[in-house]
Structure formats: structure tokens, C-alpha cells
N, C-alpha and C. Protein backbone atom coordinates (compact mmCIF):
# COMPACT_ATOMS: atom_id res chain seq x y z
N MET A 1 0.85 -1.17 0.00
CA MET A 1 0.00 0.00 0.00
C MET A 1 0.90 1.24 0.00
N ILE A 2 0.57 2.18 -0.83
CA ILE A 2 1.29 3.44 -0.88
C ILE A 2 0.48 4.47 -0.09
N VAL A 3 1.15 5.15 0.86
CA VAL A 3 0.49 6.15 1.69
C VAL A 3 1.33 7.42 1.72
N THR A 4 0.73 8.49 2.22
CA THR A 4 1.44 9.76 2.40
C THR A 4 1.50 10.08 3.88
N ASN A 5 2.68 10.34 4.39
CA ASN A 5 2.87 10.72 5.79
C ASN A 5 2.35 12.14 5.97
N ILE A 6 1.35 12.32 6.85
CA ILE A 6 0.83 13.67 7.06
C ILE A 6 1.24 14.27 8.39
N SER A 7 1.99 13.50 9.21
CA SER A 7 2.51 14.05 10.47
C SER A 7 3.70 14.93 10.13
N ASP A 8 3.64 16.18 10.53
CA ASP A 8 4.73 17.09 10.20
C ASP A 8 5.60 17.36 11.42
N ASP A 9 6.53 18.27 11.28
CA ASP A 9 7.47 18.57 12.36
C ASP A 9 6.81 19.19 13.58
N THR A 10 5.59 19.69 13.45
CA THR A 10 4.92 20.30 14.59
C THR A 10 4.27 19.26 15.52
N VAL A 11 4.14 18.02 15.05
CA VAL A 11 3.59 16.95 15.89
C VAL A 11 4.67 16.55 16.89
N THR A 12 4.33 16.58 18.16
CA THR A 12 5.32 16.35 19.21
C THR A 12 5.69 14.87 19.34
N GLU A 13 6.80 14.63 20.03
CA GLU A 13 7.25 13.28 20.34
C GLU A 13 6.17 12.56 21.17
N GLU A 14 5.57 13.28 22.11
CA GLU A 14 4.53 12.70 22.95
C GLU A 14 3.33 12.25 22.10
N ALA A 15 2.92 13.06 21.15
CA ALA A 15 1.80 12.70 20.28
C ALA A 15 2.13 11.46 19.45
N ARG A 16 3.35 11.39 18.95
CA ARG A 16 3.77 10.23 18.16
C ARG A 16 3.77 8.97 19.03
N ASN A 17 4.15 9.11 20.30
CA ASN A 17 4.12 7.97 21.22
C ASN A 17 2.69 7.54 21.51
N HIS A 18 1.77 8.49 21.63
CA HIS A 18 0.36 8.16 21.83
C HIS A 18 -0.22 7.42 20.62
N TRP A 19 0.13 7.86 19.43
CA TRP A 19 -0.35 7.17 18.23
C TRP A 19 0.21 5.75 18.15
N LEU A 20 1.45 5.55 18.62
CA LEU A 20 2.02 4.20 18.64
C LEU A 20 1.24 3.32 19.62
N LYS A 21 0.88 3.84 20.78
CA LYS A 21 0.06 3.08 21.74
C LYS A 21 -1.30 2.74 21.13
N TYR A 22 -1.87 3.69 20.42
CA TYR A 22 -3.15 3.48 19.72
C TYR A 22 -3.00 2.33 18.73
N TRP A 23 -1.95 2.37 17.93
CA TRP A 23 -1.71 1.32 16.94
C TRP A 23 -1.54 -0.04 17.63
N LYS A 24 -0.75 -0.10 18.71
CA LYS A 24 -0.53 -1.35 19.43
C LYS A 24 -1.82 -1.89 20.02
N HIS A 25 -2.71 -0.99 20.46
CA HIS A 25 -3.98 -1.41 21.05
C HIS A 25 -4.85 -2.15 20.03
N PHE A 26 -4.87 -1.68 18.80
CA PHE A 26 -5.77 -2.24 17.80
C PHE A 26 -5.14 -3.27 16.87
N THR A 27 -3.83 -3.37 16.82
CA THR A 27 -3.21 -4.32 15.90
C THR A 27 -3.43 -5.75 16.37
N LYS A 28 -3.51 -6.66 15.41
CA LYS A 28 -3.70 -8.07 15.72
C LYS A 28 -2.38 -8.83 15.62
N GLU A 29 -1.39 -8.21 15.06
CA GLU A 29 -0.10 -8.86 14.82
C GLU A 29 1.00 -8.28 15.71
N GLU A 30 1.94 -9.12 16.08
CA GLU A 30 3.14 -8.67 16.79
C GLU A 30 4.13 -8.22 15.73
N TYR A 31 4.35 -6.92 15.62
CA TYR A 31 5.23 -6.38 14.58
C TYR A 31 6.08 -5.30 15.23
N THR A 32 7.39 -5.45 15.22
CA THR A 32 8.26 -4.52 15.95
C THR A 32 9.08 -3.60 15.05
N TYR A 33 8.96 -3.76 13.74
CA TYR A 33 9.79 -2.98 12.83
C TYR A 33 9.03 -1.81 12.21
N CYS A 34 9.78 -0.89 11.67
CA CYS A 34 9.21 0.22 10.90
C CYS A 34 8.36 -0.37 9.78
N SER A 35 7.23 0.22 9.52
CA SER A 35 6.33 -0.35 8.51
C SER A 35 6.70 0.02 7.07
N GLU A 36 7.68 0.89 6.89
CA GLU A 36 8.15 1.20 5.53
C GLU A 36 8.74 -0.10 4.96
N ALA A 37 8.34 -0.46 3.76
CA ALA A 37 8.62 -1.79 3.21
C ALA A 37 10.10 -2.17 3.17
N ASN A 38 11.01 -1.23 3.03
CA ASN A 38 12.42 -1.56 2.89
C ASN A 38 13.26 -1.22 4.12
N CYS A 39 12.61 -0.88 5.23
CA CYS A 39 13.33 -0.46 6.44
C CYS A 39 13.48 -1.63 7.41
N THR A 40 14.65 -1.74 8.04
CA THR A 40 14.90 -2.82 9.00
C THR A 40 15.06 -2.29 10.44
N GLU A 41 14.77 -1.00 10.65
CA GLU A 41 14.84 -0.41 11.98
C GLU A 41 13.58 -0.76 12.78
N LYS A 42 13.69 -0.74 14.10
CA LYS A 42 12.52 -0.95 14.97
C LYS A 42 11.65 0.31 14.95
N HIS A 43 10.35 0.12 15.15
CA HIS A 43 9.47 1.29 15.17
C HIS A 43 9.60 2.06 16.48
N ASP A 44 9.47 3.39 16.40
CA ASP A 44 9.57 4.28 17.55
C ASP A 44 8.31 5.11 17.74
N HIS A 45 7.57 5.33 16.67
CA HIS A 45 6.43 6.24 16.69
C HIS A 45 5.23 5.64 15.95
N GLY A 46 4.07 6.16 16.31
CA GLY A 46 2.89 5.94 15.50
C GLY A 46 2.67 7.21 14.69
N VAL A 47 2.33 7.07 13.43
CA VAL A 47 2.24 8.23 12.54
C VAL A 47 0.94 8.16 11.75
N LEU A 48 0.34 9.32 11.57
CA LEU A 48 -0.85 9.42 10.72
C LEU A 48 -0.43 9.45 9.26
N VAL A 49 -1.07 8.61 8.48
CA VAL A 49 -0.81 8.58 7.05
C VAL A 49 -2.15 8.65 6.32
N LYS A 50 -2.10 9.08 5.10
CA LYS A 50 -3.29 9.23 4.27
C LYS A 50 -3.20 8.24 3.12
N HIS A 51 -4.29 7.51 2.90
CA HIS A 51 -4.37 6.62 1.74
C HIS A 51 -5.49 7.12 0.85
N ARG A 52 -5.14 7.40 -0.35
CA ARG A 52 -6.11 7.93 -1.32
C ARG A 52 -6.56 6.80 -2.23
N SER A 53 -7.85 6.59 -2.26
CA SER A 53 -8.42 5.61 -3.18
C SER A 53 -9.34 6.38 -4.14
N PRO A 54 -9.82 5.72 -5.17
CA PRO A 54 -10.70 6.43 -6.12
C PRO A 54 -11.97 6.97 -5.48
N THR A 55 -12.42 6.36 -4.37
CA THR A 55 -13.69 6.77 -3.77
C THR A 55 -13.56 7.58 -2.49
N SER A 56 -12.39 7.56 -1.85
CA SER A 56 -12.25 8.31 -0.59
C SER A 56 -10.80 8.58 -0.24
N GLU A 57 -10.63 9.37 0.80
CA GLU A 57 -9.32 9.69 1.32
C GLU A 57 -9.39 9.49 2.83
N LYS A 58 -8.76 8.43 3.34
CA LYS A 58 -8.87 8.08 4.75
C LYS A 58 -7.53 8.22 5.46
N LEU A 59 -7.63 8.44 6.80
CA LEU A 59 -6.44 8.51 7.64
C LEU A 59 -6.24 7.20 8.38
N PHE A 60 -4.98 6.78 8.47
CA PHE A 60 -4.62 5.55 9.15
C PHE A 60 -3.41 5.82 10.05
N VAL A 61 -3.18 4.90 10.99
CA VAL A 61 -2.02 4.96 11.86
C VAL A 61 -1.13 3.77 11.54
N VAL A 62 0.17 4.03 11.36
CA VAL A 62 1.15 2.97 11.14
C VAL A 62 2.36 3.25 12.03
N PRO A 63 3.11 2.20 12.38
CA PRO A 63 4.34 2.40 13.16
C PRO A 63 5.52 2.68 12.24
N LEU A 64 6.30 3.69 12.59
CA LEU A 64 7.50 4.02 11.79
C LEU A 64 8.69 4.24 12.71
N CYS A 65 9.89 4.08 12.17
CA CYS A 65 11.11 4.44 12.90
C CYS A 65 11.21 5.98 12.93
N LYS A 66 12.14 6.49 13.72
CA LYS A 66 12.27 7.95 13.83
C LYS A 66 12.61 8.59 12.48
N GLU A 67 13.49 7.95 11.72
CA GLU A 67 13.88 8.54 10.43
C GLU A 67 12.67 8.69 9.49
N HIS A 68 11.87 7.65 9.37
CA HIS A 68 10.70 7.74 8.49
C HIS A 68 9.58 8.57 9.10
N SER A 69 9.52 8.62 10.41
CA SER A 69 8.50 9.42 11.09
C SER A 69 8.71 10.91 10.86
N TYR A 70 9.95 11.36 10.99
CA TYR A 70 10.24 12.78 10.86
C TYR A 70 10.70 13.19 9.46
N GLY A 71 11.36 12.30 8.76
CA GLY A 71 12.04 12.70 7.55
C GLY A 71 11.28 12.57 6.25
N TYR A 72 10.12 11.94 6.28
CA TYR A 72 9.44 11.65 5.02
C TYR A 72 8.04 12.23 5.02
N GLN A 73 7.83 13.30 4.31
CA GLN A 73 6.50 13.89 4.16
C GLN A 73 5.92 13.52 2.80
N SER A 74 6.58 12.62 2.12
CA SER A 74 6.10 12.21 0.81
C SER A 74 5.53 10.79 0.92
N GLN A 75 5.43 10.13 -0.18
CA GLN A 75 4.83 8.80 -0.20
C GLN A 75 5.76 7.74 0.36
N LEU A 76 5.14 6.77 1.05
CA LEU A 76 5.86 5.63 1.62
C LEU A 76 5.16 4.35 1.15
N GLU A 77 5.95 3.33 0.92
CA GLU A 77 5.38 2.02 0.65
C GLU A 77 5.35 1.25 1.96
N ILE A 78 4.16 0.81 2.38
CA ILE A 78 3.99 0.13 3.66
C ILE A 78 4.06 -1.38 3.45
N ASP A 79 4.82 -2.05 4.32
CA ASP A 79 4.95 -3.51 4.29
C ASP A 79 3.57 -4.15 4.39
N GLU A 80 3.30 -5.13 3.55
CA GLU A 80 1.98 -5.76 3.51
C GLU A 80 1.66 -6.56 4.77
N ARG A 81 2.66 -6.87 5.60
CA ARG A 81 2.42 -7.62 6.85
C ARG A 81 1.96 -6.74 8.00
N VAL A 82 2.00 -5.43 7.82
CA VAL A 82 1.66 -4.49 8.89
C VAL A 82 0.16 -4.21 8.89
N ASP A 83 -0.44 -4.22 10.09
CA ASP A 83 -1.84 -3.81 10.20
C ASP A 83 -1.91 -2.29 10.03
N ILE A 84 -2.75 -1.86 9.11
CA ILE A 84 -3.01 -0.44 8.88
C ILE A 84 -4.28 -0.13 9.67
N ILE A 85 -4.15 0.68 10.72
CA ILE A 85 -5.27 0.91 11.64
C ILE A 85 -5.97 2.23 11.30
N PRO A 86 -7.29 2.21 11.08
CA PRO A 86 -8.01 3.46 10.83
C PRO A 86 -7.88 4.41 12.02
N ALA A 87 -7.72 5.68 11.76
CA ALA A 87 -7.49 6.68 12.82
C ALA A 87 -8.76 7.04 13.56
N GLU A 88 -9.92 6.64 13.08
CA GLU A 88 -11.16 7.09 13.71
C GLU A 88 -11.73 6.11 14.73
N LEU A 89 -11.02 5.05 15.07
CA LEU A 89 -11.51 4.10 16.07
C LEU A 89 -11.48 4.71 17.47
N CYS A 90 -12.33 4.22 18.36
CA CYS A 90 -12.39 4.71 19.74
C CYS A 90 -11.71 3.72 20.67
N LEU A 91 -10.98 4.24 21.63
CA LEU A 91 -10.34 3.37 22.63
C LEU A 91 -11.33 2.96 23.68
């Protein structure tokens, strides 16, 4: 899945940690690595990403390493083994 990272530099470390807890709460799989398809680093943050389909534009939460969390505001390819969690779920 190709997504766009919408978390920018103004999103705090604390907020990224909260999104990671959110992702861990809803994921069904034990996954400890960055969800970018070619990255082998462990995840540090939960990040909001946007997936655009022909019918809608939805927000999701994925786990990323610090480099991909802060450094990439463009498109990312997400590993197919990672649970992509909708951002609108309630805890």
C-alpha cells in the first residue's frame, strides 16, 4: 500500500508515542519494525498517514522508525504484513 505521511514537524514526540500506543492497542499482529517496506529499523512512533483511493481519502495509523517518522513527508510504501489501523476508532 502506498500512503502519504501527514505528520509534520509540529507533531510532538509525545503525540507520536500516543499514536504508537493506539496502533498497538488495535493491531492483531506482533510487529516490531518500521512499517516502511524496505526499512529494518525498529518502530519508535505511530504516525498518521493518508491513503487515497478512487472513492475516498482516509487517515490511518502505522508504526514508523524515527527517520521515516520525521524525515518523510512524501509517499511511503507500507509492508503488507503491517496492520493499517483506521485513525477514527475509539479506545
